[in-house]
C-alpha cells in the first residue's frame, strides 16, 4: 500500500491494518524543498555486501602484523540478514 497527502491519523490507522495483515506499507509527502518517506516492510530479508576477510596463513611471516586478518578491498561477500 502506498499513501501520500494523508493526515497523520489516517497513515497510522492504515499502517496498523497493513502491519496486522502482513502487507507492506509506504507513505511519504513533499513540502517544497522538504519531504519524508516511511516504509513498514514487516519481517523481511535483505542482503548486505561486506568486505571479505582473508585467512591468516602460517608461513614465513612472523610477528604481530602477520597475525592480523587482512582485508582485500576488491573482494566482497553477500550476507543475508
N, C-alpha and C. Protein backbone atom coordinates (compact mmCIF):
# COMPACT_ATOMS: atom_id res chain seq x y z
N UNK A 1 0.85 -1.16 0.00
CA UNK A 1 0.00 0.00 0.00
C UNK A 1 0.90 1.23 0.00
N UNK A 2 0.61 2.20 -0.85
CA UNK A 2 1.35 3.46 -0.92
C UNK A 2 0.39 4.61 -0.63
N UNK A 3 0.76 5.48 0.30
CA UNK A 3 -0.08 6.62 0.67
C UNK A 3 0.70 7.92 0.51
N UNK A 4 0.01 8.95 0.05
CA UNK A 4 0.56 10.31 0.04
C UNK A 4 -0.57 11.26 0.39
N UNK A 5 -0.22 12.44 0.83
CA UNK A 5 -1.19 13.51 1.10
C UNK A 5 -2.29 13.09 2.07
N UNK A 6 -1.94 12.37 3.11
CA UNK A 6 -2.93 11.94 4.11
C UNK A 6 -2.59 12.54 5.47
N UNK A 7 -3.57 12.57 6.32
CA UNK A 7 -3.33 13.05 7.68
C UNK A 7 -2.54 11.99 8.44
N UNK A 8 -1.88 12.42 9.50
CA UNK A 8 -1.08 11.51 10.31
C UNK A 8 -1.95 10.40 10.89
N UNK A 9 -3.14 10.74 11.33
CA UNK A 9 -4.05 9.75 11.92
C UNK A 9 -4.42 8.68 10.89
N UNK A 10 -4.69 9.09 9.66
CA UNK A 10 -5.03 8.14 8.60
C UNK A 10 -3.85 7.21 8.30
N UNK A 11 -2.65 7.80 8.24
CA UNK A 11 -1.45 6.99 7.97
C UNK A 11 -1.25 5.94 9.05
N UNK A 12 -1.38 6.35 10.32
CA UNK A 12 -1.19 5.41 11.43
C UNK A 12 -2.22 4.30 11.40
N UNK A 13 -3.47 4.65 11.15
CA UNK A 13 -4.55 3.66 11.13
C UNK A 13 -4.34 2.66 10.00
N UNK A 14 -4.03 3.15 8.81
CA UNK A 14 -3.84 2.27 7.66
C UNK A 14 -2.58 1.42 7.83
N UNK A 15 -1.51 2.00 8.41
CA UNK A 15 -0.30 1.23 8.65
C UNK A 15 -0.57 0.10 9.64
N UNK A 16 -1.34 0.35 10.67
CA UNK A 16 -1.66 -0.71 11.64
C UNK A 16 -2.43 -1.84 10.98
N UNK A 17 -3.37 -1.51 10.11
CA UNK A 17 -4.13 -2.54 9.39
C UNK A 17 -3.21 -3.35 8.49
N UNK A 18 -2.33 -2.66 7.75
CA UNK A 18 -1.39 -3.35 6.86
C UNK A 18 -0.45 -4.24 7.66
N UNK A 19 0.08 -3.72 8.77
CA UNK A 19 1.03 -4.47 9.58
C UNK A 19 0.40 -5.75 10.12
N UNK A 20 -0.84 -5.66 10.61
CA UNK A 20 -1.54 -6.84 11.14
C UNK A 20 -1.77 -7.90 10.07
N UNK A 21 -1.94 -7.47 8.81
CA UNK A 21 -2.24 -8.41 7.72
C UNK A 21 -1.01 -8.77 6.87
N UNK A 22 0.17 -8.33 7.29
CA UNK A 22 1.40 -8.68 6.57
C UNK A 22 1.54 -7.99 5.23
N UNK A 23 0.95 -6.82 5.09
CA UNK A 23 1.01 -6.06 3.83
C UNK A 23 2.06 -4.96 3.99
N UNK A 24 2.94 -4.83 3.00
CA UNK A 24 3.96 -3.79 3.04
C UNK A 24 3.31 -2.41 2.88
N UNK A 25 3.85 -1.42 3.60
CA UNK A 25 3.23 -0.10 3.65
C UNK A 25 4.28 0.97 3.39
N UNK A 26 3.99 1.89 2.49
CA UNK A 26 4.85 3.02 2.16
C UNK A 26 4.02 4.30 2.24
N UNK A 27 4.60 5.35 2.81
CA UNK A 27 3.94 6.65 2.81
C UNK A 27 4.99 7.74 2.70
N UNK A 28 4.60 8.86 2.18
CA UNK A 28 5.53 9.98 2.06
C UNK A 28 4.81 11.21 1.53
N UNK A 29 5.49 12.33 1.60
CA UNK A 29 4.94 13.58 1.09
C UNK A 29 6.09 14.56 0.92
N UNK A 30 5.87 15.59 0.15
CA UNK A 30 6.87 16.63 -0.10
C UNK A 30 6.23 17.98 0.17
N UNK A 31 6.99 18.84 0.84
CA UNK A 31 6.55 20.20 1.15
C UNK A 31 7.63 21.15 0.67
N UNK A 32 7.56 21.57 -0.57
CA UNK A 32 8.60 22.44 -1.12
C UNK A 32 9.91 21.70 -1.24
N UNK A 33 10.93 22.16 -0.51
CA UNK A 33 12.24 21.52 -0.53
C UNK A 33 12.37 20.38 0.47
N UNK A 34 11.39 20.19 1.31
CA UNK A 34 11.45 19.19 2.37
C UNK A 34 10.42 18.10 2.13
N UNK A 35 10.72 16.91 2.61
CA UNK A 35 9.79 15.81 2.47
C UNK A 35 10.15 14.69 3.42
N UNK A 36 9.36 13.63 3.38
CA UNK A 36 9.62 12.47 4.21
C UNK A 36 9.14 11.23 3.49
N UNK A 37 9.64 10.09 3.95
CA UNK A 37 9.22 8.79 3.43
C UNK A 37 9.30 7.80 4.57
N UNK A 38 8.31 6.94 4.69
CA UNK A 38 8.28 5.90 5.72
C UNK A 38 7.89 4.59 5.06
N UNK A 39 8.56 3.52 5.44
CA UNK A 39 8.23 2.19 4.92
C UNK A 39 8.15 1.21 6.08
N UNK A 40 7.05 0.48 6.16
CA UNK A 40 6.89 -0.61 7.13
C UNK A 40 6.84 -1.89 6.31
N UNK A 41 7.96 -2.60 6.27
CA UNK A 41 8.06 -3.81 5.46
C UNK A 41 7.83 -5.07 6.28
N UNK A 42 7.52 -4.91 7.57
CA UNK A 42 7.31 -6.07 8.41
C UNK A 42 8.57 -6.89 8.50
N UNK A 43 8.44 -8.20 8.60
CA UNK A 43 9.59 -9.10 8.59
C UNK A 43 10.00 -9.33 7.16
N UNK A 44 11.27 -9.06 6.86
CA UNK A 44 11.76 -9.26 5.51
C UNK A 44 13.24 -9.60 5.55
N UNK A 45 13.73 -10.14 4.47
CA UNK A 45 15.14 -10.49 4.35
C UNK A 45 15.80 -9.54 3.37
N UNK A 46 17.07 -9.26 3.62
CA UNK A 46 17.83 -8.44 2.69
C UNK A 46 19.26 -8.92 2.67
N UNK A 47 20.02 -8.47 1.70
CA UNK A 47 21.41 -8.88 1.54
C UNK A 47 22.29 -7.65 1.72
N UNK A 48 23.36 -7.82 2.50
CA UNK A 48 24.30 -6.74 2.75
C UNK A 48 25.67 -7.16 2.22
N UNK A 49 26.34 -6.25 1.53
CA UNK A 49 27.66 -6.53 0.98
C UNK A 49 28.72 -6.18 2.02
N UNK A 50 29.60 -7.16 2.34
CA UNK A 50 30.65 -6.97 3.33
C UNK A 50 32.00 -7.28 2.70
N UNK A 51 33.08 -6.60 3.13
CA UNK A 51 34.41 -6.94 2.64
C UNK A 51 34.80 -8.34 3.10
N UNK A 52 35.44 -9.08 2.23
CA UNK A 52 35.87 -10.43 2.54
C UNK A 52 37.17 -10.36 3.33
N UNK A 53 37.26 -11.07 4.45
CA UNK A 53 38.46 -11.08 5.29
C UNK A 53 39.27 -12.31 4.92
N UNK A 54 40.54 -12.08 4.54
CA UNK A 54 41.43 -13.17 4.16
C UNK A 54 41.89 -13.91 5.41
N UNK A 55 42.08 -15.21 5.30
CA UNK A 55 42.59 -16.03 6.40
C UNK A 55 44.07 -15.75 6.58
N UNK A 56 44.52 -15.79 7.83
CA UNK A 56 45.93 -15.60 8.12
C UNK A 56 46.63 -16.92 7.83
N UNK A 57 47.67 -16.86 7.01
CA UNK A 57 48.40 -18.08 6.69
C UNK A 57 49.62 -18.18 7.59
N UNK A 58 49.83 -19.38 8.11
CA UNK A 58 51.03 -19.58 8.92
C UNK A 58 52.14 -19.98 7.98
N UNK A 59 53.04 -19.05 7.76
CA UNK A 59 54.11 -19.32 6.82
C UNK A 59 55.37 -18.65 7.27
N UNK A 60 56.01 -17.97 6.37
CA UNK A 60 57.29 -17.34 6.65
C UNK A 60 57.15 -16.07 7.47
N UNK A 61 55.99 -15.42 7.40
CA UNK A 61 55.80 -14.15 8.12
C UNK A 61 55.74 -14.41 9.61
N UNK A 62 56.25 -13.45 10.36
CA UNK A 62 56.29 -13.59 11.80
C UNK A 62 55.96 -12.25 12.45
N UNK A 63 55.46 -12.26 13.65
CA UNK A 63 55.21 -11.02 14.37
C UNK A 63 53.75 -10.63 14.39
N UNK A 64 53.43 -9.50 15.07
CA UNK A 64 52.02 -9.09 15.22
C UNK A 64 51.34 -8.75 13.91
N UNK A 65 52.06 -8.20 12.93
CA UNK A 65 51.46 -7.85 11.65
C UNK A 65 50.97 -9.09 10.92
N UNK A 66 51.68 -10.18 11.06
CA UNK A 66 51.31 -11.42 10.37
C UNK A 66 50.07 -12.05 10.98
N UNK A 67 49.78 -11.75 12.25
CA UNK A 67 48.66 -12.38 12.93
C UNK A 67 47.33 -11.70 12.63
N UNK A 68 47.36 -10.47 12.12
CA UNK A 68 46.13 -9.75 11.82
C UNK A 68 45.48 -10.29 10.54
N UNK A 69 44.15 -10.32 10.53
CA UNK A 69 43.43 -10.71 9.31
C UNK A 69 43.55 -9.57 8.30
N UNK A 70 43.72 -9.92 7.07
CA UNK A 70 43.87 -8.91 6.03
C UNK A 70 42.57 -8.78 5.25
N UNK A 71 42.24 -7.55 4.87
CA UNK A 71 41.03 -7.28 4.09
C UNK A 71 41.44 -6.94 2.67
N UNK A 72 40.89 -7.66 1.73
CA UNK A 72 41.12 -7.38 0.32
C UNK A 72 40.00 -6.46 -0.15
N UNK A 73 40.28 -5.20 -0.48
CA UNK A 73 39.21 -4.25 -0.82
C UNK A 73 38.42 -4.64 -2.07
N UNK A 74 39.03 -5.40 -2.98
CA UNK A 74 38.34 -5.75 -4.21
C UNK A 74 37.38 -6.93 -4.02
N UNK A 75 37.56 -7.70 -2.96
CA UNK A 75 36.73 -8.88 -2.75
C UNK A 75 35.67 -8.61 -1.69
N UNK A 76 34.42 -8.93 -2.02
CA UNK A 76 33.32 -8.77 -1.08
C UNK A 76 32.51 -10.05 -1.05
N UNK A 77 31.69 -10.18 -0.04
CA UNK A 77 30.77 -11.30 0.08
C UNK A 77 29.39 -10.76 0.45
N UNK A 78 28.36 -11.47 0.07
CA UNK A 78 26.99 -11.05 0.37
C UNK A 78 26.50 -11.80 1.60
N UNK A 79 25.97 -11.05 2.58
CA UNK A 79 25.49 -11.62 3.82
C UNK A 79 23.99 -11.43 3.89
N UNK A 80 23.27 -12.54 4.03
CA UNK A 80 21.80 -12.49 4.12
C UNK A 80 21.41 -12.20 5.56
N UNK A 81 20.53 -11.23 5.75
CA UNK A 81 20.06 -10.87 7.09
C UNK A 81 18.56 -10.89 7.14
